[in-house]
Amino acid sequence: MGILDMVESMAAGSANPDHAKVAGGLLQELQDRPGGIGGLLQSFQQNGMGGLVQEWSGGQTQPVSTSAVESGLGGSVIIDSIAQRTGLSPTVVKSGLAVAVPLLIHHMVSNNHVDPSGQPIGAQPEAGNLLQSLLSRLA
């Protein structure tokens, strides 16, 4: 069962199934990209969003603006790819990422999987467990 299949079954009762689909699409995208979640953190750092990464790492996980997400990602390539994977519009994907990215980064840093610079420092979580954790926070 792929990540997006798991999202479909887990998101059925979710308050916002689109955000759940975006979270699953993001995790799948990160699995397919070199650097994975560490690369995501590094992208935000390199694109002037290091302050946000520090806030998220420390537990301040309120959603950010869609423009901050797009800036942190260095453009729309990942957004467009997630939109293709999920069948959602890029606008909906950006909105979902504004909610999911802070939660994902906080989870990964607070559970000692990566440090705030994106360097792996511990065991990496299994994708299904990570997805379940994210979806529980999105509900």
C-alpha atoms as a PDB file:
ATOM      1  CA  MET A   1       0.000   0.000   0.000  1.00  0.00           C
ATOM      2  CA  GLY A   2       1.448   3.356  -1.051  1.00  0.00           C
ATOM      3  CA  ILE A   3       1.459   6.525   1.003  1.00  0.00           C
ATOM      4  CA  LEU A   4      -1.397   8.109  -0.923  1.00  0.00           C
ATOM      5  CA  ASP A   5      -3.482   4.939  -0.540  1.00  0.00           C
ATOM      6  CA  MET A   6      -2.896   5.096   3.224  1.00  0.00           C
ATOM      7  CA  VAL A   7      -3.896   8.770   3.201  1.00  0.00           C
ATOM      8  CA  GLU A   8      -7.160   7.983   1.438  1.00  0.00           C
ATOM      9  CA  SER A   9      -8.127   5.436   4.076  1.00  0.00           C
ATOM     10  CA  MET A  10      -6.891   7.486   7.059  1.00  0.00           C
ATOM     11  CA  ALA A  11      -8.337  10.797   5.848  1.00  0.00           C
ATOM     12  CA  ALA A  12     -11.859   9.533   5.299  1.00  0.00           C
ATOM     13  CA  GLY A  13     -13.041  10.918   8.648  1.00  0.00           C
ATOM     14  CA  SER A  14     -10.655  13.862   8.738  1.00  0.00           C
ATOM     15  CA  ALA A  15     -11.900  17.408   9.229  1.00  0.00           C
ATOM     16  CA  ASN A  16      -9.892  18.493   6.169  1.00  0.00           C
ATOM     17  CA  PRO A  17      -9.194  15.610   3.792  1.00  0.00           C
ATOM     18  CA  ASP A  18      -7.381  17.939   1.352  1.00  0.00           C
ATOM     19  CA  HIS A  19      -4.773  18.799   3.991  1.00  0.00           C
ATOM     20  CA  ALA A  20      -4.362  15.092   4.661  1.00  0.00           C
ATOM     21  CA  LYS A  21      -3.829  14.439   0.940  1.00  0.00           C
ATOM     22  CA  VAL A  22      -1.270  17.240   0.789  1.00  0.00           C
ATOM     23  CA  ALA A  23       0.606  15.802   3.802  1.00  0.00           C
ATOM     24  CA  GLY A  24       0.701  12.397   2.123  1.00  0.00           C
ATOM     25  CA  GLY A  25       1.784  13.913  -1.184  1.00  0.00           C
ATOM     26  CA  LEU A  26       4.539  15.828   0.592  1.00  0.00           C
ATOM     27  CA  LEU A  27       5.853  12.709   2.321  1.00  0.00           C
ATOM     28  CA  GLN A  28       5.813  10.799  -0.940  1.00  0.00           C
ATOM     29  CA  GLU A  29       7.575  13.668  -2.694  1.00  0.00           C
ATOM     30  CA  LEU A  30      10.246  13.802   0.008  1.00  0.00           C
ATOM     31  CA  GLN A  31      10.821  10.041  -0.275  1.00  0.00           C
ATOM     32  CA  ASP A  32      11.493  10.469  -3.980  1.00  0.00           C
ATOM     33  CA  ARG A  33      13.870  13.430  -3.630  1.00  0.00           C
ATOM     34  CA  PRO A  34      17.506  13.354  -2.584  1.00  0.00           C
ATOM     35  CA  GLY A  35      17.856  14.745   0.915  1.00  0.00           C
ATOM     36  CA  GLY A  36      14.285  13.949   1.938  1.00  0.00           C
ATOM     37  CA  ILE A  37      13.083  15.871   4.970  1.00  0.00           C
ATOM     38  CA  GLY A  38      16.596  17.141   5.647  1.00  0.00           C
ATOM     39  CA  GLY A  39      16.569  18.647   2.169  1.00  0.00           C
ATOM     40  CA  LEU A  40      13.249  20.332   2.941  1.00  0.00           C
ATOM     41  CA  LEU A  41      14.719  21.935   6.065  1.00  0.00           C
ATOM     42  CA  GLN A  42      17.836  23.002   4.172  1.00  0.00           C
ATOM     43  CA  SER A  43      15.697  24.558   1.445  1.00  0.00           C
ATOM     44  CA  PHE A  44      13.862  26.686   4.009  1.00  0.00           C
ATOM     45  CA  GLN A  45      17.194  27.682   5.614  1.00  0.00           C
ATOM     46  CA  GLN A  46      18.778  28.581   2.263  1.00  0.00           C
ATOM     47  CA  ASN A  47      15.752  30.577   1.141  1.00  0.00           C
ATOM     48  CA  GLY A  48      15.739  32.939   4.114  1.00  0.00           C
ATOM     49  CA  MET A  49      13.205  31.091   6.236  1.00  0.00           C
ATOM     50  CA  GLY A  50      15.558  29.879   8.969  1.00  0.00           C
ATOM     51  CA  GLY A  51      13.604  31.859  11.561  1.00  0.00           C
ATOM     52  CA  LEU A  52      10.468  29.899  10.739  1.00  0.00           C
ATOM     53  CA  VAL A  53      12.382  26.623  10.993  1.00  0.00           C
ATOM     54  CA  GLN A  54      13.580  27.638  14.457  1.00  0.00           C
ATOM     55  CA  GLU A  55      10.022  28.520  15.526  1.00  0.00           C
ATOM     56  CA  TRP A  56       8.637  25.234  14.201  1.00  0.00           C
ATOM     57  CA  SER A  57      11.465  23.252  15.769  1.00  0.00           C
ATOM     58  CA  GLY A  58      10.634  24.850  19.096  1.00  0.00           C
ATOM     59  CA  GLY A  59       6.955  23.922  18.899  1.00  0.00           C
ATOM     60  CA  GLN A  60       5.345  27.019  17.396  1.00  0.00           C
ATOM     61  CA  THR A  61       3.476  25.140  14.687  1.00  0.00           C
ATOM     62  CA  GLN A  62       0.749  27.558  13.707  1.00  0.00           C
ATOM     63  CA  PRO A  63       0.157  27.664   9.942  1.00  0.00           C
ATOM     64  CA  VAL A  64       2.184  30.122   7.886  1.00  0.00           C
ATOM     65  CA  SER A  65       1.301  32.071   4.780  1.00  0.00           C
ATOM     66  CA  THR A  66       1.233  30.266   1.473  1.00  0.00           C
ATOM     67  CA  SER A  67       3.809  32.725   0.148  1.00  0.00           C
ATOM     68  CA  ALA A  68       6.204  31.803   2.989  1.00  0.00           C
ATOM     69  CA  VAL A  69       5.832  28.126   2.065  1.00  0.00           C
ATOM     70  CA  GLU A  70       6.483  28.813  -1.604  1.00  0.00           C
ATOM     71  CA  SER A  71       9.496  30.991  -0.750  1.00  0.00           C
ATOM     72  CA  GLY A  72      10.883  28.374   1.626  1.00  0.00           C
ATOM     73  CA  LEU A  73      10.545  25.685  -1.015  1.00  0.00           C
ATOM     74  CA  GLY A  74      12.391  27.870  -3.495  1.00  0.00           C
ATOM     75  CA  GLY A  75       9.475  28.108  -5.915  1.00  0.00           C
ATOM     76  CA  SER A  76       6.637  25.954  -7.111  1.00  0.00           C
ATOM     77  CA  VAL A  77       8.362  22.769  -8.346  1.00  0.00           C
ATOM     78  CA  ILE A  78       7.465  20.691  -5.262  1.00  0.00           C
ATOM     79  CA  ILE A  79       4.027  22.321  -5.070  1.00  0.00           C
ATOM     80  CA  ASP A  80       3.286  21.432  -8.690  1.00  0.00           C
ATOM     81  CA  SER A  81       4.565  17.895  -8.200  1.00  0.00           C
ATOM     82  CA  ILE A  82       2.344  17.367  -5.130  1.00  0.00           C
ATOM     83  CA  ALA A  83      -0.599  18.819  -7.085  1.00  0.00           C
ATOM     84  CA  GLN A  84      -0.008  16.246  -9.838  1.00  0.00           C
ATOM     85  CA  ARG A  85       0.330  13.398  -7.318  1.00  0.00           C
ATOM     86  CA  THR A  86      -2.839  14.290  -5.448  1.00  0.00           C
ATOM     87  CA  GLY A  87      -5.054  15.763  -8.148  1.00  0.00           C
ATOM     88  CA  LEU A  88      -5.457  18.939  -6.076  1.00  0.00           C
ATOM     89  CA  SER A  89      -4.891  22.462  -7.383  1.00  0.00           C
ATOM     90  CA  PRO A  90      -1.577  24.201  -6.581  1.00  0.00           C
ATOM     91  CA  THR A  91      -3.566  26.722  -4.486  1.00  0.00           C
ATOM     92  CA  VAL A  92      -5.016  23.938  -2.326  1.00  0.00           C
ATOM     93  CA  VAL A  93      -1.575  22.302  -2.076  1.00  0.00           C
ATOM     94  CA  LYS A  94       0.019  25.551  -0.852  1.00  0.00           C
ATOM     95  CA  SER A  95      -2.743  25.946   1.727  1.00  0.00           C
ATOM     96  CA  GLY A  96      -2.199  22.368   2.929  1.00  0.00           C
ATOM     97  CA  LEU A  97       1.572  22.812   3.061  1.00  0.00           C
ATOM     98  CA  ALA A  98       1.138  25.971   5.152  1.00  0.00           C
ATOM     99  CA  VAL A  99      -0.423  23.707   7.789  1.00  0.00           C
ATOM    100  CA  ALA A 100       1.550  20.461   7.280  1.00  0.00           C
ATOM    101  CA  VAL A 101       5.130  21.724   6.932  1.00  0.00           C
ATOM    102  CA  PRO A 102       5.332  23.331  10.405  1.00  0.00           C
ATOM    103  CA  LEU A 103       3.921  20.139  11.966  1.00  0.00           C
ATOM    104  CA  LEU A 104       6.268  17.895   9.993  1.00  0.00           C
ATOM    105  CA  ILE A 105       9.370  19.898  10.856  1.00  0.00           C
ATOM    106  CA  HIS A 106       8.430  20.084  14.533  1.00  0.00           C
ATOM    107  CA  HIS A 107       7.823  16.328  14.640  1.00  0.00           C
ATOM    108  CA  MET A 108      11.116  15.493  12.945  1.00  0.00           C
ATOM    109  CA  VAL A 109      13.209  17.836  15.119  1.00  0.00           C
ATOM    110  CA  SER A 110      11.469  17.188  18.447  1.00  0.00           C
ATOM    111  CA  ASN A 111      11.747  13.420  17.989  1.00  0.00           C
ATOM    112  CA  ASN A 112      15.470  13.674  17.203  1.00  0.00           C
ATOM    113  CA  HIS A 113      15.216  12.458  13.614  1.00  0.00           C
ATOM    114  CA  VAL A 114      16.939  15.591  12.238  1.00  0.00           C
ATOM    115  CA  ASP A 115      18.432  18.750  13.684  1.00  0.00           C
ATOM    116  CA  PRO A 116      17.089  22.196  12.686  1.00  0.00           C
ATOM    117  CA  SER A 117      19.700  22.418   9.920  1.00  0.00           C
ATOM    118  CA  GLY A 118      18.319  19.251   8.334  1.00  0.00           C
ATOM    119  CA  GLN A 119      21.112  16.863   9.317  1.00  0.00           C
ATOM    120  CA  PRO A 120      19.913  13.370  10.291  1.00  0.00           C
ATOM    121  CA  ILE A 121      20.709  12.672  13.945  1.00  0.00           C
ATOM    122  CA  GLY A 122      18.693   9.601  14.772  1.00  0.00           C
ATOM    123  CA  ALA A 123      16.655   6.771  13.394  1.00  0.00           C
ATOM    124  CA  GLN A 124      14.326   7.833  10.629  1.00  0.00           C
ATOM    125  CA  PRO A 125      10.633   7.109  11.158  1.00  0.00           C
ATOM    126  CA  GLU A 126       8.740   4.651   8.999  1.00  0.00           C
ATOM    127  CA  ALA A 127       6.641   6.596   6.477  1.00  0.00           C
ATOM    128  CA  GLY A 128       3.328   5.128   7.679  1.00  0.00           C
ATOM    129  CA  ASN A 129       4.016   6.051  11.307  1.00  0.00           C
ATOM    130  CA  LEU A 130       5.086   9.554  10.333  1.00  0.00           C
ATOM    131  CA  LEU A 131       1.981   9.989   8.218  1.00  0.00           C
ATOM    132  CA  GLN A 132      -0.254   8.781  11.048  1.00  0.00           C
ATOM    133  CA  SER A 133       1.362  11.254  13.432  1.00  0.00           C
ATOM    134  CA  LEU A 134       0.871  14.129  10.979  1.00  0.00           C
ATOM    135  CA  LEU A 135      -2.721  13.220  10.220  1.00  0.00           C
ATOM    136  CA  SER A 136      -3.581  13.064  13.917  1.00  0.00           C
ATOM    137  CA  ARG A 137      -2.402  16.665  14.268  1.00  0.00           C
ATOM    138  CA  LEU A 138      -4.231  17.837  11.152  1.00  0.00           C
ATOM    139  CA  ALA A 139      -7.606  16.522  12.362  1.00  0.00           C
END
